[in-house]
């Protein structure tokens, strides 16, 4: 009986668990960046990075085992209109780890970036092909569709130091243009069609990620703060404030693995705020960066604890 239960849990192991890696890795990067900019020793955050690297290995090996043992279950996820878009969380995790390891091991960062970039562009072409020929209805569209886009925007962040700016501009262009197109589609779907199911409401936070990561990537590519970079940052800030104004609706959402959608976008907004403070030295951004780091740490901690509790209770890796 126990063996059967464990096999069923493997069969139902969700690809969305890779978003746990994104959330924790993003937080580790935020701590490291905050320490570097504010002149505070936060080198201990590298141990968080080491820990999430081990967790990524566990999740990846488990999902590969699922692919070998239950290929049909993986295929079903891959052609699901929502879960499909979480497959690039694998490549995004690699790219984020590459960013995190930049100041620890340049070689490790470079190999992680190379692997993440290859996987990311592969997923991009495959997913766009499925989008174009999958005969999806407009109600299938939701903010999770931004995930494959965000992966391309992340590539230049560490890619500039590993492969130069031109390749970075290639990926940045893909991500930004697709984000604009998808943003229009998602807003249309949200306004003129039925509301998202409660389990998908946390994915609204993914709307923060493209402009926030876009700001970081653009500044990395140009090395300066110009009107376009400010548009990206302030639009990300607007989306963040807008979503927190909806707190009374979001607080009613019961636990789902989709809660992890709260984490990485807040990580990205925190890092973007640290960066704009570094570029401007405005005291307001110093205060906002500190507040965002505290808030994001609290959110990641709460979601992590709740996830562990739900796992211990056998309520994760179960049929939906």
Protein backbone atom coordinates (compact mmCIF):
# COMPACT_ATOMS: atom_id res chain seq x y z
CA UNK A 1 0.00 0.00 0.00
CA UNK A 2 2.78 2.43 0.94
CA UNK A 3 4.66 1.62 -2.26
CA UNK A 4 1.51 2.24 -4.32
CA UNK A 5 0.96 5.58 -2.56
CA UNK A 6 4.54 6.64 -3.29
CA UNK A 7 4.20 5.66 -6.95
CA UNK A 8 0.98 7.68 -7.20
CA UNK A 9 2.75 10.68 -5.67
CA UNK A 10 5.47 10.37 -8.29
CA UNK A 11 2.85 10.21 -11.04
CA UNK A 12 1.21 13.37 -9.68
CA UNK A 13 4.48 15.23 -9.02
CA UNK A 14 3.69 18.63 -10.59
CA UNK A 15 6.00 20.57 -12.88
CA UNK A 16 4.85 23.67 -10.96
CA UNK A 17 7.19 22.66 -8.10
CA UNK A 18 10.09 24.12 -10.10
CA UNK A 19 8.62 27.51 -9.16
CA UNK A 20 9.78 26.81 -5.60
CA UNK A 21 13.35 26.97 -6.90
CA UNK A 22 12.65 30.30 -8.60
CA UNK A 23 11.14 31.82 -5.47
CA UNK A 24 13.98 30.86 -3.12
CA UNK A 25 16.78 31.55 -5.62
CA UNK A 26 15.36 34.99 -6.34
CA UNK A 27 15.31 35.74 -2.61
CA UNK A 28 18.96 34.65 -2.23
CA UNK A 29 19.93 36.95 -5.11
CA UNK A 30 17.97 39.81 -3.52
CA UNK A 31 19.87 39.40 -0.24
CA UNK A 32 23.22 39.29 -2.03
CA UNK A 33 22.40 42.36 -4.14
CA UNK A 34 21.08 44.27 -1.13
CA UNK A 35 24.24 43.54 0.81
CA UNK A 36 26.48 44.62 -2.08
CA UNK A 37 24.63 47.90 -2.70
CA UNK A 38 24.01 48.85 0.93
CA UNK A 39 27.47 47.83 2.12
CA UNK A 40 26.15 45.18 4.50
CA UNK A 41 27.67 41.72 4.87
CA UNK A 42 24.98 39.36 3.62
CA UNK A 43 27.36 36.69 2.33
CA UNK A 44 25.47 34.13 4.43
CA UNK A 45 22.80 34.27 1.70
CA UNK A 46 25.11 32.14 -0.44
CA UNK A 47 24.23 29.20 1.82
CA UNK A 48 20.59 29.73 0.90
CA UNK A 49 21.76 29.54 -2.71
CA UNK A 50 23.61 26.27 -2.02
CA UNK A 51 20.50 24.86 -0.33
CA UNK A 52 18.18 25.74 -3.19
CA UNK A 53 20.71 24.29 -5.66
CA UNK A 54 20.38 20.96 -3.85
CA UNK A 55 16.59 21.29 -3.86
CA UNK A 56 16.62 22.00 -7.61
CA UNK A 57 18.58 18.77 -8.11
CA UNK A 58 15.99 16.84 -6.08
CA UNK A 59 13.06 18.31 -8.02
CA UNK A 60 14.78 17.75 -11.39
CA UNK A 61 15.74 14.13 -10.64
CA UNK A 62 12.22 13.42 -9.37
CA UNK A 63 10.64 14.90 -12.48
CA UNK A 64 12.99 12.92 -14.72
CA UNK A 65 11.94 9.79 -12.81
CA UNK A 66 8.32 10.74 -13.49
CA UNK A 67 9.14 11.20 -17.20
CA UNK A 68 10.69 7.72 -17.34
CA UNK A 69 8.01 5.97 -15.28
CA UNK A 70 4.91 7.92 -16.37
CA UNK A 71 5.59 9.57 -19.75
CA UNK A 72 1.87 9.92 -20.44
CA UNK A 73 1.41 11.97 -17.26
CA UNK A 74 4.20 14.32 -18.35
CA UNK A 75 2.69 14.55 -21.83
CA UNK A 76 -0.67 15.44 -20.30
CA UNK A 77 0.97 18.28 -18.34
CA UNK A 78 2.86 19.48 -21.38
CA UNK A 79 -0.30 19.91 -23.43
CA UNK A 80 -2.33 21.44 -20.59
CA UNK A 81 -3.10 25.12 -21.37
CA UNK A 82 -1.84 26.26 -17.95
CA UNK A 83 0.76 23.69 -16.86
CA UNK A 84 2.51 23.90 -20.25
CA UNK A 85 3.74 27.38 -19.35
CA UNK A 86 5.44 26.13 -16.17
CA UNK A 87 7.92 23.94 -18.04
CA UNK A 88 10.26 26.91 -18.65
CA UNK A 89 10.53 27.24 -14.85
CA UNK A 90 13.24 24.59 -15.31
CA UNK A 91 15.32 26.82 -17.58
CA UNK A 92 14.51 29.91 -15.54
CA UNK A 93 15.76 28.12 -12.41
CA UNK A 94 19.06 27.41 -14.18
CA UNK A 95 19.36 31.04 -15.31
CA UNK A 96 18.61 32.35 -11.82
CA UNK A 97 21.19 30.02 -10.30
CA UNK A 98 23.64 31.35 -12.88
CA UNK A 99 22.95 34.90 -11.68
CA UNK A 100 23.34 33.83 -8.06
CA UNK A 101 26.67 32.10 -8.67
CA UNK A 102 28.19 35.01 -10.62
CA UNK A 103 29.95 36.35 -7.56
CA UNK A 104 30.83 32.88 -6.21
CA UNK A 105 32.09 30.89 -9.20
CA UNK A 106 32.27 32.42 -12.67
CA UNK A 107 32.73 28.99 -14.29
CA UNK A 108 29.71 27.49 -12.53
CA UNK A 109 27.68 30.55 -13.47
CA UNK A 110 28.74 30.27 -17.11
CA UNK A 111 27.81 26.59 -17.46
CA UNK A 112 24.47 27.12 -15.71
CA UNK A 113 23.78 30.05 -18.05
CA UNK A 114 24.70 28.06 -21.16
CA UNK A 115 22.46 25.15 -20.21
CA UNK A 116 19.62 27.42 -19.10
CA UNK A 117 19.78 29.47 -22.30
CA UNK A 118 19.66 26.41 -24.57
CA UNK A 119 16.73 24.92 -22.65
CA UNK A 120 14.97 28.29 -22.60
CA UNK A 121 15.09 28.95 -26.34
CA UNK A 122 14.05 25.33 -26.98
CA UNK A 123 10.99 25.71 -24.75
CA UNK A 124 10.21 29.08 -26.35
CA UNK A 125 9.99 27.65 -29.86
CA UNK A 126 8.05 24.56 -28.75
CA UNK A 127 5.55 26.50 -26.65
CA UNK A 128 4.93 29.13 -29.34
CA UNK A 129 4.26 26.31 -31.78
CA UNK A 130 1.70 24.86 -29.34
CA UNK A 131 0.16 28.30 -28.76
CA UNK A 132 -0.26 28.84 -32.50
CA UNK A 133 -1.65 25.41 -33.37
CA UNK A 134 -3.18 24.24 -30.09
CA UNK A 135 -6.66 25.64 -30.74
CA UNK A 136 -6.87 27.25 -27.29
CA UNK A 137 -9.90 29.25 -26.17
CA UNK A 138 -9.44 32.77 -24.81
CA UNK A 139 -10.43 31.52 -21.33
CA UNK A 140 -7.32 29.31 -21.32
CA UNK A 141 -5.15 32.44 -21.24
CA UNK A 142 -3.93 33.54 -17.82
CA UNK A 143 -0.87 35.30 -16.37
CA UNK A 144 1.07 32.00 -16.28
CA UNK A 145 1.51 32.50 -20.03
CA UNK A 146 4.08 35.19 -19.15
CA UNK A 147 6.48 32.58 -17.74
CA UNK A 148 8.02 31.48 -21.08
CA UNK A 149 8.42 35.19 -21.90
CA UNK A 150 10.17 36.05 -18.63
CA UNK A 151 12.78 33.36 -19.24
CA UNK A 152 14.00 35.15 -22.36
CA UNK A 153 14.21 38.48 -20.56
CA UNK A 154 16.35 36.91 -17.80
CA UNK A 155 18.96 35.56 -20.22
CA UNK A 156 20.94 38.83 -20.59
CA UNK A 157 21.26 39.43 -16.83
CA UNK A 158 24.23 37.10 -16.49
CA UNK A 159 24.56 36.51 -20.23
CA UNK A 160 26.20 39.88 -20.85
CA UNK A 161 29.26 38.76 -18.89
CA UNK A 162 29.26 35.27 -20.43
CA UNK A 163 28.48 35.91 -24.10
CA UNK A 164 28.39 39.65 -24.73
CA UNK A 165 25.58 42.10 -25.35
CA UNK A 166 24.36 41.13 -28.84
CA UNK A 167 23.03 37.72 -27.85
CA UNK A 168 21.51 39.39 -24.81
CA UNK A 169 19.68 41.89 -27.01
CA UNK A 170 18.32 38.98 -29.08
CA UNK A 171 16.70 37.35 -26.05
CA UNK A 172 15.63 40.66 -24.52
CA UNK A 173 13.84 41.62 -27.75
CA UNK A 174 11.98 38.29 -27.87
CA UNK A 175 10.81 38.63 -24.28
CA UNK A 176 9.79 42.29 -24.31
CA UNK A 177 7.83 42.17 -27.59
CA UNK A 178 6.04 38.94 -26.64
CA UNK A 179 5.26 40.42 -23.20
CA UNK A 180 3.55 43.43 -24.76
CA UNK A 181 1.46 41.19 -27.04
CA UNK A 182 0.53 38.80 -24.24
CA UNK A 183 -0.19 41.59 -21.76
CA UNK A 184 -2.90 42.93 -24.08
CA UNK A 185 -4.38 39.44 -24.46
CA UNK A 186 -4.34 38.70 -20.72
CA UNK A 187 -5.97 42.04 -19.81
CA UNK A 188 -8.65 41.48 -22.47
CA UNK A 189 -9.34 38.00 -21.08
CA UNK A 190 -9.48 39.28 -17.48
CA UNK A 191 -11.93 42.08 -18.26
CA UNK A 192 -14.27 40.57 -20.81
CA UNK A 193 -14.45 36.90 -19.81
CA UNK A 194 -15.22 34.94 -16.65
CA UNK A 195 -13.00 35.37 -13.62
CA UNK A 196 -10.00 33.15 -12.97
CA UNK A 197 -10.54 30.15 -10.73
CA UNK A 198 -9.36 30.75 -7.16
CA UNK A 199 -6.34 28.45 -7.60
CA UNK A 200 -5.08 30.65 -10.45
CA UNK A 201 -5.48 34.01 -8.69
CA UNK A 202 -1.89 33.95 -7.30
CA UNK A 203 -0.65 33.86 -10.91
CA UNK A 204 -1.74 37.50 -11.18
CA UNK A 205 1.55 38.32 -9.45
CA UNK A 206 3.41 36.97 -12.48
CA UNK A 207 2.34 40.20 -14.19
CA UNK A 208 5.01 41.97 -12.10
CA UNK A 209 7.86 39.85 -13.46
CA UNK A 210 8.21 40.91 -17.14
CA UNK A 211 8.61 44.68 -16.51
CA UNK A 212 10.64 44.17 -13.30
CA UNK A 213 13.03 41.67 -14.89
CA UNK A 214 12.95 43.74 -18.07
CA UNK A 215 14.21 46.75 -16.11
CA UNK A 216 17.08 44.74 -14.59
CA UNK A 217 18.01 43.21 -17.95
CA UNK A 218 17.80 46.51 -19.84
CA UNK A 219 20.04 48.31 -17.34
CA UNK A 220 22.49 45.40 -17.55
CA UNK A 221 22.56 45.74 -21.35
CA UNK A 222 22.84 49.53 -21.47
CA UNK A 223 24.59 50.32 -18.19
CA UNK A 224 22.42 53.39 -17.72
CA UNK A 225 19.06 54.66 -16.54
CA UNK A 226 17.06 56.15 -19.39
CA UNK A 227 13.36 56.89 -20.06
CA UNK A 228 12.57 53.36 -21.28
CA UNK A 229 14.16 51.73 -18.23
CA UNK A 230 12.14 54.06 -16.00
CA UNK A 231 8.94 53.11 -17.82
CA UNK A 232 9.68 49.44 -17.14
CA UNK A 233 10.44 50.02 -13.45
CA UNK A 234 7.50 52.29 -12.71
CA UNK A 235 5.06 50.07 -14.56
CA UNK A 236 6.29 47.11 -12.49
CA UNK A 237 5.81 49.23 -9.38
CA UNK A 238 2.28 50.13 -10.48
CA UNK A 239 1.38 46.46 -11.03
CA UNK A 240 2.78 45.62 -7.58
CA UNK A 241 0.72 48.35 -5.89
CA UNK A 242 -2.37 47.37 -7.89
CA UNK A 243 -2.12 43.74 -6.78
CA UNK A 244 -1.66 44.68 -3.13
CA UNK A 245 -4.78 46.83 -3.42
CA UNK A 246 -6.58 43.53 -4.23
CA UNK A 247 -5.35 41.88 -1.03
CA UNK A 248 -8.86 41.35 0.34
CA UNK A 249 -9.61 39.10 -2.65
CA UNK A 250 -6.30 37.23 -2.64
CA UNK A 251 -6.28 36.47 1.10
CA UNK A 252 -9.30 34.18 0.63
CA UNK A 253 -7.44 31.85 -1.75
CA UNK A 254 -6.81 28.44 -0.09
CA UNK A 255 -3.39 26.85 -0.41
CA UNK A 256 -2.31 25.57 -3.79
CA UNK A 257 1.19 25.09 -5.18
CA UNK A 258 0.29 28.18 -7.25
CA UNK A 259 0.98 30.24 -4.07
CA UNK A 260 4.61 30.15 -5.22
CA UNK A 261 3.56 32.55 -7.98
CA UNK A 262 3.66 35.23 -5.27
CA UNK A 263 7.36 34.74 -4.63
CA UNK A 264 9.57 35.19 -7.69
CA UNK A 265 7.76 38.31 -8.99
CA UNK A 266 8.25 39.94 -5.57
CA UNK A 267 11.92 38.84 -5.66
CA UNK A 268 12.26 40.52 -9.05
CA UNK A 269 10.58 43.72 -7.86
CA UNK A 270 12.86 43.79 -4.81
CA UNK A 271 16.01 43.38 -6.94
CA UNK A 272 14.77 46.02 -9.39
CA UNK A 273 14.23 48.47 -6.52
CA UNK A 274 17.71 47.77 -5.15
CA UNK A 275 19.10 48.43 -8.62
CA UNK A 276 17.25 51.71 -9.13
CA UNK A 277 18.48 52.87 -5.73
CA UNK A 278 22.03 52.01 -6.79
CA UNK A 279 21.57 54.04 -9.98
CA UNK A 280 19.84 57.08 -8.44
CA UNK A 281 20.78 57.10 -4.73
CA UNK A 282 17.33 58.52 -3.93
CA UNK A 283 16.56 57.90 -0.22
CA UNK A 284 12.99 56.89 -1.09
CA UNK A 285 14.28 53.93 -3.09
CA UNK A 286 16.53 52.94 -0.16
CA UNK A 287 13.47 52.75 2.09
CA UNK A 288 11.40 50.97 -0.55
CA UNK A 289 14.16 48.42 -1.23
CA UNK A 290 14.45 47.63 2.49
CA UNK A 291 10.67 47.32 2.82
CA UNK A 292 10.43 45.09 -0.26
CA UNK A 293 13.21 42.81 1.00
CA UNK A 294 11.46 42.37 4.36
CA UNK A 295 8.07 41.83 2.72
CA UNK A 296 9.42 39.36 0.16
CA UNK A 297 11.31 37.42 2.83
CA UNK A 298 8.10 37.15 4.84
CA UNK A 299 6.07 35.98 1.84
CA UNK A 300 8.64 33.36 0.79
CA UNK A 301 8.90 32.11 4.39
CA UNK A 302 5.12 31.80 4.81
CA UNK A 303 4.68 30.03 1.47
CA UNK A 304 7.63 27.72 2.22
CA UNK A 305 6.31 26.74 5.65
CA UNK A 306 2.81 26.18 4.31
CA UNK A 307 4.18 24.04 1.47
CA UNK A 308 6.17 21.87 3.88
CA UNK A 309 3.06 21.49 6.06
CA UNK A 310 0.92 20.48 3.09
CA UNK A 311 3.57 18.03 1.88
CA UNK A 312 3.78 16.46 5.32
CA UNK A 313 0.00 16.10 5.28
CA UNK A 314 0.08 14.35 1.92
CA UNK A 315 -1.84 17.13 0.18
CA UNK A 316 0.77 17.82 -2.49
CA UNK A 317 1.47 15.47 -5.44
CA UNK A 318 -2.14 14.29 -5.45
CA UNK A 319 -4.67 14.18 -8.29
CA UNK A 320 -6.44 17.48 -8.90
